[in-house]
Amino acid sequence: MLLRSWLGPSACWKDCTRTRCCSPPWIEPYRRQQNTKRTGKARTDEAIARDLAKFVEWVNTECRRQGRTDDIPPDERGSLVASRFRRTLAWFIRRRPRGLVAASIQYGHVHTRLIQGYAGSYDSGFPDEYAFEDWLFRLENLAEDQQALDAGEHVSGPAANAYRHRVAGATRQFAGHVLTSTRQARDLIGNPLLQLHHGEGMTCVFNPVHAACQLRGTVDDPLVTPDTDDCRPKCLNIARTDRDVLQIQQHHDALAEIVADPLAPMIRHERDQHELRRLRAILDDHEQTKNDVNP
């Protein structure tokens, strides 16, 4: 389910035509032999490992048959097992659009925050894997933010000063920091300096006390995160970088074309004009504060 959400038909077709085969020949007979009813039982690790081994064998056979060199080499760490894909799954969940929601649907979680627990506990170790990937992702964003500020990027919005403070403080504290275990990452991502969450046309300098969105978790939870898809325009946690404003400008220009259409329905025309004025005010404020800083 997760992969289907992110792999488009064109990409699938390209891969299929390249190999001239959509799947190993034993897949369909295997499916027909299985009971299609949900029995409430997951497949065993042994069964998954056997299927992975058969898949690797099929890929390498096809590579040899077609004279390809991009086969799957032997792994010095042993055979492929399901648990070795946890970091891969964590990478996709953290970095792909709607990844956390897709994972929640896939695994039937009541809450969308996997780092609160995998199936209700930390026994599997997966929350630590996710936290480690989250840690790496935040450090990458932090490095980009610091480089942008060093290059003269302007920041506006009610949380602009807090944004600059956190980027500078987190860079001093965490640049070059080495983790010796994934569990350490889960402890560190609760640090207030790392609570910078980039959304569409905005950056949340997260303070749960001031948050106007629906929080993922409780206010007193050190790992609580904002819902950037539910960002409220008047939230005090909002900062807007030049990169954010570029997205707003693109949205503004696209909306202006719609508003200029005389055939647009009246109710939609009024709604879009209201949104256009709101975006224009954000752009003007960003430009005005930039002029105030650099008269």
C-alpha atoms as a PDB file:
ATOM      1  CA  MET A   1       0.000   0.000   0.000  1.00  0.00           C
ATOM      2  CA  LEU A   2       2.782   2.404   0.853  1.00  0.00           C
ATOM      3  CA  LEU A   3       4.651   1.882  -2.380  1.00  0.00           C
ATOM      4  CA  ARG A   4       1.520   2.140  -4.497  1.00  0.00           C
ATOM      5  CA  SER A   5       0.893   5.609  -3.078  1.00  0.00           C
ATOM      6  CA  TRP A   6       4.272   6.879  -4.278  1.00  0.00           C
ATOM      7  CA  LEU A   7       5.067   4.892  -7.421  1.00  0.00           C
ATOM      8  CA  GLY A   8       3.131   6.214 -10.387  1.00  0.00           C
ATOM      9  CA  PRO A   9       1.895   4.136 -13.331  1.00  0.00           C
ATOM     10  CA  SER A  10       4.451   5.653 -15.711  1.00  0.00           C
ATOM     11  CA  ALA A  11       7.334   4.608 -13.460  1.00  0.00           C
ATOM     12  CA  CYS A  12       5.879   1.117 -13.096  1.00  0.00           C
ATOM     13  CA  TRP A  13       5.431   0.768 -16.850  1.00  0.00           C
ATOM     14  CA  LYS A  14       8.987   1.930 -17.515  1.00  0.00           C
ATOM     15  CA  ASP A  15      10.369  -0.700 -15.147  1.00  0.00           C
ATOM     16  CA  CYS A  16       8.113  -3.381 -16.609  1.00  0.00           C
ATOM     17  CA  THR A  17       9.100  -2.673 -20.204  1.00  0.00           C
ATOM     18  CA  ARG A  18      12.763  -2.561 -19.241  1.00  0.00           C
ATOM     19  CA  THR A  19      12.682  -6.076 -17.803  1.00  0.00           C
ATOM     20  CA  ARG A  20       9.875  -7.325 -20.095  1.00  0.00           C
ATOM     21  CA  CYS A  21       8.288  -8.917 -17.083  1.00  0.00           C
ATOM     22  CA  CYS A  22       6.068  -7.333 -14.462  1.00  0.00           C
ATOM     23  CA  SER A  23       6.660  -9.884 -11.730  1.00  0.00           C
ATOM     24  CA  PRO A  24       8.311 -13.244 -11.075  1.00  0.00           C
ATOM     25  CA  PRO A  25       6.391 -16.102 -12.727  1.00  0.00           C
ATOM     26  CA  TRP A  26       5.745 -17.759  -9.364  1.00  0.00           C
ATOM     27  CA  ILE A  27       3.861 -14.748  -7.964  1.00  0.00           C
ATOM     28  CA  GLU A  28       0.462 -15.324  -9.590  1.00  0.00           C
ATOM     29  CA  PRO A  29       0.295 -19.088  -8.877  1.00  0.00           C
ATOM     30  CA  TYR A  30       1.290 -18.295  -5.299  1.00  0.00           C
ATOM     31  CA  ARG A  31      -1.537 -15.778  -4.988  1.00  0.00           C
ATOM     32  CA  ARG A  32      -4.114 -18.164  -6.417  1.00  0.00           C
ATOM     33  CA  GLN A  33      -3.115 -20.830  -3.917  1.00  0.00           C
ATOM     34  CA  GLN A  34      -3.619 -18.533  -0.951  1.00  0.00           C
ATOM     35  CA  ASN A  35      -6.844 -17.964   0.916  1.00  0.00           C
ATOM     36  CA  THR A  36      -7.950 -14.433   0.033  1.00  0.00           C
ATOM     37  CA  LYS A  37      -9.847 -13.951   3.291  1.00  0.00           C
ATOM     38  CA  ARG A  38      -8.206 -11.927   6.040  1.00  0.00           C
ATOM     39  CA  THR A  39      -7.508 -14.350   8.855  1.00  0.00           C
ATOM     40  CA  GLY A  40      -6.051 -11.748  11.198  1.00  0.00           C
ATOM     41  CA  LYS A  41      -2.616 -13.372  11.137  1.00  0.00           C
ATOM     42  CA  ALA A  42       0.539 -11.813   9.765  1.00  0.00           C
ATOM     43  CA  ARG A  43       2.976 -13.774   7.642  1.00  0.00           C
ATOM     44  CA  THR A  44       5.863 -15.307   9.517  1.00  0.00           C
ATOM     45  CA  ASP A  45       9.416 -14.004   9.312  1.00  0.00           C
ATOM     46  CA  GLU A  46      10.515 -17.328   7.847  1.00  0.00           C
ATOM     47  CA  ALA A  47       7.979 -17.114   5.013  1.00  0.00           C
ATOM     48  CA  ILE A  48       8.980 -13.535   4.191  1.00  0.00           C
ATOM     49  CA  ALA A  49      12.670 -14.487   4.179  1.00  0.00           C
ATOM     50  CA  ARG A  50      11.985 -17.367   1.772  1.00  0.00           C
ATOM     51  CA  ASP A  51      10.090 -15.084  -0.595  1.00  0.00           C
ATOM     52  CA  LEU A  52      12.857 -12.481  -0.475  1.00  0.00           C
ATOM     53  CA  ALA A  53      15.420 -15.138  -1.355  1.00  0.00           C
ATOM     54  CA  LYS A  54      13.277 -16.310  -4.279  1.00  0.00           C
ATOM     55  CA  PHE A  55      12.850 -12.733  -5.456  1.00  0.00           C
ATOM     56  CA  VAL A  56      16.619 -12.113  -5.389  1.00  0.00           C
ATOM     57  CA  GLU A  57      17.159 -15.338  -7.312  1.00  0.00           C
ATOM     58  CA  TRP A  58      14.600 -14.283  -9.938  1.00  0.00           C
ATOM     59  CA  VAL A  59      16.143 -10.804 -10.347  1.00  0.00           C
ATOM     60  CA  ASN A  60      19.634 -12.230 -10.800  1.00  0.00           C
ATOM     61  CA  THR A  61      18.364 -14.844 -13.267  1.00  0.00           C
ATOM     62  CA  GLU A  62      16.684 -12.138 -15.347  1.00  0.00           C
ATOM     63  CA  CYS A  63      19.834 -10.008 -15.233  1.00  0.00           C
ATOM     64  CA  ARG A  64      21.945 -12.885 -16.519  1.00  0.00           C
ATOM     65  CA  ARG A  65      19.400 -13.709 -19.223  1.00  0.00           C
ATOM     66  CA  GLN A  66      19.330 -10.120 -20.490  1.00  0.00           C
ATOM     67  CA  GLY A  67      23.046  -9.495 -20.076  1.00  0.00           C
ATOM     68  CA  ARG A  68      22.562  -6.871 -17.376  1.00  0.00           C
ATOM     69  CA  THR A  69      25.143  -6.071 -14.711  1.00  0.00           C
ATOM     70  CA  ASP A  70      22.849  -4.457 -12.110  1.00  0.00           C
ATOM     71  CA  ASP A  71      22.041  -7.673 -10.285  1.00  0.00           C
ATOM     72  CA  ILE A  72      21.664  -8.044  -6.522  1.00  0.00           C
ATOM     73  CA  PRO A  73      25.084  -9.028  -5.127  1.00  0.00           C
ATOM     74  CA  PRO A  74      25.596 -11.383  -2.184  1.00  0.00           C
ATOM     75  CA  ASP A  75      25.356  -9.604   1.153  1.00  0.00           C
ATOM     76  CA  GLU A  76      28.219 -10.182   3.555  1.00  0.00           C
ATOM     77  CA  ARG A  77      25.848  -9.537   6.463  1.00  0.00           C
ATOM     78  CA  GLY A  78      23.708 -12.523   5.603  1.00  0.00           C
ATOM     79  CA  SER A  79      20.368 -13.239   3.983  1.00  0.00           C
ATOM     80  CA  LEU A  80      17.646 -10.657   3.547  1.00  0.00           C
ATOM     81  CA  VAL A  81      15.035 -10.696   6.297  1.00  0.00           C
ATOM     82  CA  ALA A  82      12.045  -8.456   6.946  1.00  0.00           C
ATOM     83  CA  SER A  83      13.605  -6.616   9.883  1.00  0.00           C
ATOM     84  CA  ARG A  84      16.375  -5.258   7.663  1.00  0.00           C
ATOM     85  CA  PHE A  85      13.837  -3.151   5.784  1.00  0.00           C
ATOM     86  CA  ARG A  86      12.770  -1.147   8.826  1.00  0.00           C
ATOM     87  CA  ARG A  87      15.119   1.740   8.037  1.00  0.00           C
ATOM     88  CA  THR A  88      13.901   1.734   4.429  1.00  0.00           C
ATOM     89  CA  LEU A  89      10.303   1.889   5.606  1.00  0.00           C
ATOM     90  CA  ALA A  90      11.172   4.645   8.086  1.00  0.00           C
ATOM     91  CA  TRP A  91      12.856   6.641   5.287  1.00  0.00           C
ATOM     92  CA  PHE A  92       9.757   6.501   3.095  1.00  0.00           C
ATOM     93  CA  ILE A  93       7.383   7.291   5.955  1.00  0.00           C
ATOM     94  CA  ARG A  94       9.396  10.341   7.027  1.00  0.00           C
ATOM     95  CA  ARG A  95      10.304  11.782   3.640  1.00  0.00           C
ATOM     96  CA  ARG A  96       7.421  11.005   1.303  1.00  0.00           C
ATOM     97  CA  PRO A  97       4.240  13.108   1.161  1.00  0.00           C
ATOM     98  CA  ARG A  98       1.555  11.770   3.498  1.00  0.00           C
ATOM     99  CA  GLY A  99       3.933   9.003   4.523  1.00  0.00           C
ATOM    100  CA  LEU A 100       2.883   8.972   8.155  1.00  0.00           C
ATOM    101  CA  VAL A 101      -0.796   8.789   7.247  1.00  0.00           C
ATOM    102  CA  ALA A 102      -0.184   5.998   4.728  1.00  0.00           C
ATOM    103  CA  ALA A 103       1.716   4.019   7.346  1.00  0.00           C
ATOM    104  CA  SER A 104      -1.067   4.509   9.860  1.00  0.00           C
ATOM    105  CA  ILE A 105      -3.619   3.137   7.407  1.00  0.00           C
ATOM    106  CA  GLN A 106      -1.331   0.260   6.496  1.00  0.00           C
ATOM    107  CA  TYR A 107      -0.775  -0.814  10.083  1.00  0.00           C
ATOM    108  CA  GLY A 108      -4.159   0.120  11.503  1.00  0.00           C
ATOM    109  CA  HIS A 109      -2.894   2.638  14.035  1.00  0.00           C
ATOM    110  CA  VAL A 110      -5.348   4.832  15.864  1.00  0.00           C
ATOM    111  CA  HIS A 111      -2.787   7.656  16.060  1.00  0.00           C
ATOM    112  CA  THR A 112      -0.739   8.825  13.115  1.00  0.00           C
ATOM    113  CA  ARG A 113       2.435   9.333  15.128  1.00  0.00           C
ATOM    114  CA  LEU A 114       4.309   6.065  14.806  1.00  0.00           C
ATOM    115  CA  ILE A 115       6.979   7.280  17.191  1.00  0.00           C
ATOM    116  CA  GLN A 116       4.440   7.002  20.008  1.00  0.00           C
ATOM    117  CA  GLY A 117       4.681   3.253  19.619  1.00  0.00           C
ATOM    118  CA  TYR A 118       4.541   0.459  17.109  1.00  0.00           C
ATOM    119  CA  ALA A 119       1.361  -1.537  17.729  1.00  0.00           C
ATOM    120  CA  GLY A 120       1.286   0.067  21.173  1.00  0.00           C
ATOM    121  CA  SER A 121       4.816  -0.746  22.332  1.00  0.00           C
ATOM    122  CA  TYR A 122       8.493  -0.208  21.584  1.00  0.00           C
ATOM    123  CA  ASP A 123       9.281  -3.917  21.562  1.00  0.00           C
ATOM    124  CA  SER A 124       9.784  -4.032  17.804  1.00  0.00           C
ATOM    125  CA  GLY A 125      12.374  -1.239  17.835  1.00  0.00           C
ATOM    126  CA  PHE A 126      10.709   0.391  14.835  1.00  0.00           C
ATOM    127  CA  PRO A 127       9.933   3.691  16.626  1.00  0.00           C
ATOM    128  CA  ASP A 128      13.669   4.071  17.238  1.00  0.00           C
ATOM    129  CA  GLU A 129      14.339   3.485  13.543  1.00  0.00           C
ATOM    130  CA  TYR A 130      11.779   6.122  12.642  1.00  0.00           C
ATOM    131  CA  ALA A 131      13.189   8.543  15.216  1.00  0.00           C
ATOM    132  CA  PHE A 132      16.685   8.063  13.796  1.00  0.00           C
ATOM    133  CA  GLU A 133      15.443   8.808  10.277  1.00  0.00           C
ATOM    134  CA  ASP A 134      13.562  11.821  11.642  1.00  0.00           C
ATOM    135  CA  TRP A 135      16.770  13.000  13.312  1.00  0.00           C
ATOM    136  CA  LEU A 136      18.730  12.753  10.043  1.00  0.00           C
ATOM    137  CA  PHE A 137      15.967  14.513   8.125  1.00  0.00           C
ATOM    138  CA  ARG A 138      15.860  17.400  10.592  1.00  0.00           C
ATOM    139  CA  LEU A 139      19.637  17.816  10.525  1.00  0.00           C
ATOM    140  CA  GLU A 140      19.593  17.947   6.723  1.00  0.00           C
ATOM    141  CA  ASN A 141      16.913  20.640   6.829  1.00  0.00           C
ATOM    142  CA  LEU A 142      18.844  22.472   9.521  1.00  0.00           C
ATOM    143  CA  ALA A 143      21.980  22.548   7.369  1.00  0.00           C
ATOM    144  CA  GLU A 144      19.976  23.953   4.445  1.00  0.00           C
ATOM    145  CA  ASP A 145      18.368  26.561   6.707  1.00  0.00           C
ATOM    146  CA  GLN A 146      21.727  27.690   8.070  1.00  0.00           C
ATOM    147  CA  GLN A 147      23.228  27.933   4.594  1.00  0.00           C
ATOM    148  CA  ALA A 148      20.256  29.996   3.431  1.00  0.00           C
ATOM    149  CA  LEU A 149      20.551  32.392   6.382  1.00  0.00           C
ATOM    150  CA  ASP A 150      24.290  32.742   5.803  1.00  0.00           C
ATOM    151  CA  ALA A 151      23.504  33.619   2.177  1.00  0.00           C
ATOM    152  CA  GLY A 152      21.213  36.435   3.324  1.00  0.00           C
ATOM    153  CA  GLU A 153      17.807  34.768   3.279  1.00  0.00           C
ATOM    154  CA  HIS A 154      15.107  36.947   4.817  1.00  0.00           C
ATOM    155  CA  VAL A 155      12.584  35.570   7.301  1.00  0.00           C
ATOM    156  CA  SER A 156       9.264  37.179   8.178  1.00  0.00           C
ATOM    157  CA  GLY A 157       6.239  36.230  10.237  1.00  0.00           C
ATOM    158  CA  PRO A 158       5.494  36.262  13.976  1.00  0.00           C
ATOM    159  CA  ALA A 159       8.086  33.555  14.704  1.00  0.00           C
ATOM    160  CA  ALA A 160      10.881  34.984  12.527  1.00  0.00           C
ATOM    161  CA  ASN A 161      13.193  35.830  15.436  1.00  0.00           C
ATOM    162  CA  ALA A 162      12.580  32.457  17.074  1.00  0.00           C
ATOM    163  CA  TYR A 163      13.398  30.772  13.753  1.00  0.00           C
ATOM    164  CA  ARG A 164      16.763  32.502  13.453  1.00  0.00           C
ATOM    165  CA  HIS A 165      17.555  31.745  17.098  1.00  0.00           C
ATOM    166  CA  ARG A 166      16.746  28.051  16.771  1.00  0.00           C
ATOM    167  CA  VAL A 167      18.669  27.575  13.537  1.00  0.00           C
ATOM    168  CA  ALA A 168      21.770  29.208  15.008  1.00  0.00           C
ATOM    169  CA  GLY A 169      21.459  27.399  18.342  1.00  0.00           C
ATOM    170  CA  ALA A 170      20.809  23.985  16.805  1.00  0.00           C
ATOM    171  CA  THR A 171      23.736  24.390  14.415  1.00  0.00           C
ATOM    172  CA  ARG A 172      26.091  25.130  17.303  1.00  0.00           C
ATOM    173  CA  GLN A 173      24.784  22.254  19.410  1.00  0.00           C
ATOM    174  CA  PHE A 174      24.202  19.470  16.895  1.00  0.00           C
ATOM    175  CA  ALA A 175      26.541  20.042  13.947  1.00  0.00           C
ATOM    176  CA  GLY A 176      28.844  17.025  13.819  1.00  0.00           C
ATOM    177  CA  HIS A 177      26.976  15.290  16.642  1.00  0.00           C
ATOM    178  CA  VAL A 178      27.455  11.510  16.541  1.00  0.00           C
ATOM    179  CA  LEU A 179      24.809   9.073  17.743  1.00  0.00           C
ATOM    180  CA  THR A 180      25.843   5.687  19.056  1.00  0.00           C
ATOM    181  CA  SER A 181      22.341   4.188  19.040  1.00  0.00           C
ATOM    182  CA  THR A 182      18.969   4.806  17.408  1.00  0.00           C
ATOM    183  CA  ARG A 183      17.367   5.213  20.827  1.00  0.00           C
ATOM    184  CA  GLN A 184      19.446   8.354  21.387  1.00  0.00           C
ATOM    185  CA  ALA A 185      17.767   9.933  18.362  1.00  0.00           C
ATOM    186  CA  ARG A 186      14.336   9.528  19.951  1.00  0.00           C
ATOM    187  CA  ASP A 187      15.565  11.393  23.022  1.00  0.00           C
ATOM    188  CA  LEU A 188      17.204  14.184  21.029  1.00  0.00           C
ATOM    189  CA  ILE A 189      14.391  15.016  18.605  1.00  0.00           C
ATOM    190  CA  GLY A 190      12.405  16.361  21.549  1.00  0.00           C
ATOM    191  CA  ASN A 191      14.967  19.163  21.941  1.00  0.00           C
ATOM    192  CA  PRO A 192      13.196  22.535  21.435  1.00  0.00           C
ATOM    193  CA  LEU A 193      15.969  23.742  19.109  1.00  0.00           C
ATOM    194  CA  LEU A 194      15.041  21.041  16.601  1.00  0.00           C
ATOM    195  CA  GLN A 195      11.346  21.919  16.493  1.00  0.00           C
ATOM    196  CA  LEU A 196      11.413  23.444  13.022  1.00  0.00           C
ATOM    197  CA  HIS A 197       8.878  21.908  10.656  1.00  0.00           C
ATOM    198  CA  HIS A 198       8.744  22.998   7.028  1.00  0.00           C
ATOM    199  CA  GLY A 199       5.325  23.034   5.398  1.00  0.00           C
ATOM    200  CA  GLU A 200       3.828  24.433   2.218  1.00  0.00           C
ATOM    201  CA  GLY A 201       4.594  28.147   2.073  1.00  0.00           C
ATOM    202  CA  MET A 202       5.472  28.301   5.776  1.00  0.00           C
ATOM    203  CA  THR A 203       7.822  27.031   8.459  1.00  0.00           C
ATOM    204  CA  CYS A 204       6.484  26.082  11.870  1.00  0.00           C
ATOM    205  CA  VAL A 205       8.750  27.206  14.715  1.00  0.00           C
ATOM    206  CA  PHE A 206       6.895  24.867  16.973  1.00  0.00           C
ATOM    207  CA  ASN A 207       5.757  25.855  20.431  1.00  0.00           C
ATOM    208  CA  PRO A 208       2.845  23.633  21.541  1.00  0.00           C
ATOM    209  CA  VAL A 209       1.480  26.336  23.838  1.00  0.00           C
ATOM    210  CA  HIS A 210       0.947  28.717  20.906  1.00  0.00           C
ATOM    211  CA  ALA A 211      -0.016  26.122  18.292  1.00  0.00           C
ATOM    212  CA  ALA A 212      -3.369  26.719  16.597  1.00  0.00           C
ATOM    213  CA  CYS A 213      -3.381  23.416  14.684  1.00  0.00           C
ATOM    214  CA  GLN A 214      -4.432  19.958  15.806  1.00  0.00           C
ATOM    215  CA  LEU A 215      -1.387  18.602  17.622  1.00  0.00           C
ATOM    216  CA  ARG A 216      -0.094  15.100  16.982  1.00  0.00           C
ATOM    217  CA  GLY A 217       0.178  14.043  20.581  1.00  0.00           C
ATOM    218  CA  THR A 218      -0.480  15.902  23.822  1.00  0.00           C
ATOM    219  CA  VAL A 219       0.867  19.314  24.791  1.00  0.00           C
ATOM    220  CA  ASP A 220       2.995  17.894  27.612  1.00  0.00           C
ATOM    221  CA  ASP A 221       4.497  15.168  25.379  1.00  0.00           C
ATOM    222  CA  PRO A 222       8.142  16.087  24.564  1.00  0.00           C
ATOM    223  CA  LEU A 223       7.748  14.414  21.152  1.00  0.00           C
ATOM    224  CA  VAL A 224       4.531  16.195  20.177  1.00  0.00           C
ATOM    225  CA  THR A 225       4.560  17.523  16.604  1.00  0.00           C
ATOM    226  CA  PRO A 226       2.393  20.039  14.722  1.00  0.00           C
ATOM    227  CA  ASP A 227       0.010  19.190  11.930  1.00  0.00           C
ATOM    228  CA  THR A 228       1.510  21.293   9.133  1.00  0.00           C
ATOM    229  CA  ASP A 229      -1.335  20.242   6.829  1.00  0.00           C
ATOM    230  CA  ASP A 230      -3.735  21.986   9.216  1.00  0.00           C
ATOM    231  CA  CYS A 231      -1.713  25.193   9.633  1.00  0.00           C
ATOM    232  CA  ARG A 232      -3.825  28.191  10.668  1.00  0.00           C
ATOM    233  CA  PRO A 233      -2.926  31.565   9.090  1.00  0.00           C
ATOM    234  CA  LYS A 234      -2.928  33.458  12.404  1.00  0.00           C
ATOM    235  CA  CYS A 235      -0.795  30.965  14.339  1.00  0.00           C
ATOM    236  CA  LEU A 236       2.036  32.586  16.295  1.00  0.00           C
ATOM    237  CA  ASN A 237       4.418  29.753  15.368  1.00  0.00           C
ATOM    238  CA  ILE A 238       4.617  30.720  11.689  1.00  0.00           C
ATOM    239  CA  ALA A 239       7.809  31.953  10.057  1.00  0.00           C
ATOM    240  CA  ARG A 240       8.213  32.501   6.329  1.00  0.00           C
ATOM    241  CA  THR A 241      11.564  32.230   4.608  1.00  0.00           C
ATOM    242  CA  ASP A 242      12.313  33.437   1.091  1.00  0.00           C
ATOM    243  CA  ARG A 243      11.851  29.821  -0.010  1.00  0.00           C
ATOM    244  CA  ASP A 244       8.410  29.723   1.590  1.00  0.00           C
ATOM    245  CA  VAL A 245       7.456  33.048   0.028  1.00  0.00           C
ATOM    246  CA  LEU A 246       8.463  31.749  -3.399  1.00  0.00           C
ATOM    247  CA  GLN A 247       5.861  29.001  -3.008  1.00  0.00           C
ATOM    248  CA  ILE A 248       3.278  31.570  -1.900  1.00  0.00           C
ATOM    249  CA  GLN A 249       4.099  33.744  -4.917  1.00  0.00           C
ATOM    250  CA  GLN A 250       3.591  30.805  -7.263  1.00  0.00           C
ATOM    251  CA  HIS A 251       0.262  30.004  -5.628  1.00  0.00           C
ATOM    252  CA  HIS A 252      -0.726  33.679  -5.810  1.00  0.00           C
ATOM    253  CA  ASP A 253       0.067  33.904  -9.522  1.00  0.00           C
ATOM    254  CA  ALA A 254      -1.870  30.726 -10.317  1.00  0.00           C
ATOM    255  CA  LEU A 255      -4.849  31.971  -8.319  1.00  0.00           C
ATOM    256  CA  ALA A 256      -4.716  35.367 -10.028  1.00  0.00           C
ATOM    257  CA  GLU A 257      -5.252  33.670 -13.383  1.00  0.00           C
ATOM    258  CA  ILE A 258      -8.341  31.929 -12.024  1.00  0.00           C
ATOM    259  CA  VAL A 259      -9.737  35.153 -10.578  1.00  0.00           C
ATOM    260  CA  ALA A 260      -9.195  36.908 -13.912  1.00  0.00           C
ATOM    261  CA  ASP A 261     -11.431  34.364 -15.652  1.00  0.00           C
ATOM    262  CA  PRO A 262     -14.794  36.125 -16.279  1.00  0.00           C
ATOM    263  CA  LEU A 263     -16.554  32.772 -16.637  1.00  0.00           C
ATOM    264  CA  ALA A 264     -15.719  31.625 -13.100  1.00  0.00           C
ATOM    265  CA  PRO A 265     -18.809  31.133 -10.863  1.00  0.00           C
ATOM    266  CA  MET A 266     -19.530  34.135  -8.658  1.00  0.00           C
ATOM    267  CA  ILE A 267     -19.242  32.278  -5.338  1.00  0.00           C
ATOM    268  CA  ARG A 268     -15.891  30.807  -6.350  1.00  0.00           C
ATOM    269  CA  HIS A 269     -14.756  34.166  -7.678  1.00  0.00           C
ATOM    270  CA  GLU A 270     -15.413  35.859  -4.322  1.00  0.00           C
ATOM    271  CA  ARG A 271     -13.750  33.079  -2.353  1.00  0.00           C
ATOM    272  CA  ASP A 272     -10.653  33.137  -4.555  1.00  0.00           C
ATOM    273  CA  GLN A 273     -10.450  36.912  -4.359  1.00  0.00           C
ATOM    274  CA  HIS A 274     -10.473  36.701  -0.563  1.00  0.00           C
ATOM    275  CA  GLU A 275      -7.642  34.155  -0.649  1.00  0.00           C
ATOM    276  CA  LEU A 276      -5.776  36.270  -3.187  1.00  0.00           C
ATOM    277  CA  ARG A 277      -5.919  39.299  -0.885  1.00  0.00           C
ATOM    278  CA  ARG A 278      -4.638  37.174   2.012  1.00  0.00           C
ATOM    279  CA  LEU A 279      -1.684  35.930  -0.028  1.00  0.00           C
ATOM    280  CA  ARG A 280      -0.962  39.435  -1.285  1.00  0.00           C
ATOM    281  CA  ALA A 281      -0.846  40.699   2.305  1.00  0.00           C
ATOM    282  CA  ILE A 282       1.688  37.990   3.210  1.00  0.00           C
ATOM    283  CA  LEU A 283       3.869  38.875   0.230  1.00  0.00           C
ATOM    284  CA  ASP A 284       3.701  42.595   0.999  1.00  0.00           C
ATOM    285  CA  ASP A 285       4.550  42.012   4.666  1.00  0.00           C
ATOM    286  CA  HIS A 286       7.550  39.882   3.732  1.00  0.00           C
ATOM    287  CA  GLU A 287       8.807  42.525   1.332  1.00  0.00           C
ATOM    288  CA  GLN A 288       8.180  45.354   3.800  1.00  0.00           C
ATOM    289  CA  THR A 289      10.076  43.674   6.630  1.00  0.00           C
ATOM    290  CA  LYS A 290      12.914  42.957   4.208  1.00  0.00           C
ATOM    291  CA  ASN A 291      13.097  46.654   3.370  1.00  0.00           C
ATOM    292  CA  ASP A 292      13.037  47.535   7.071  1.00  0.00           C
ATOM    293  CA  VAL A 293      16.041  45.295   7.682  1.00  0.00           C
ATOM    294  CA  ASN A 294      17.883  46.481   4.559  1.00  0.00           C
ATOM    295  CA  PRO A 295      16.718  50.089   3.962  1.00  0.00           C
END
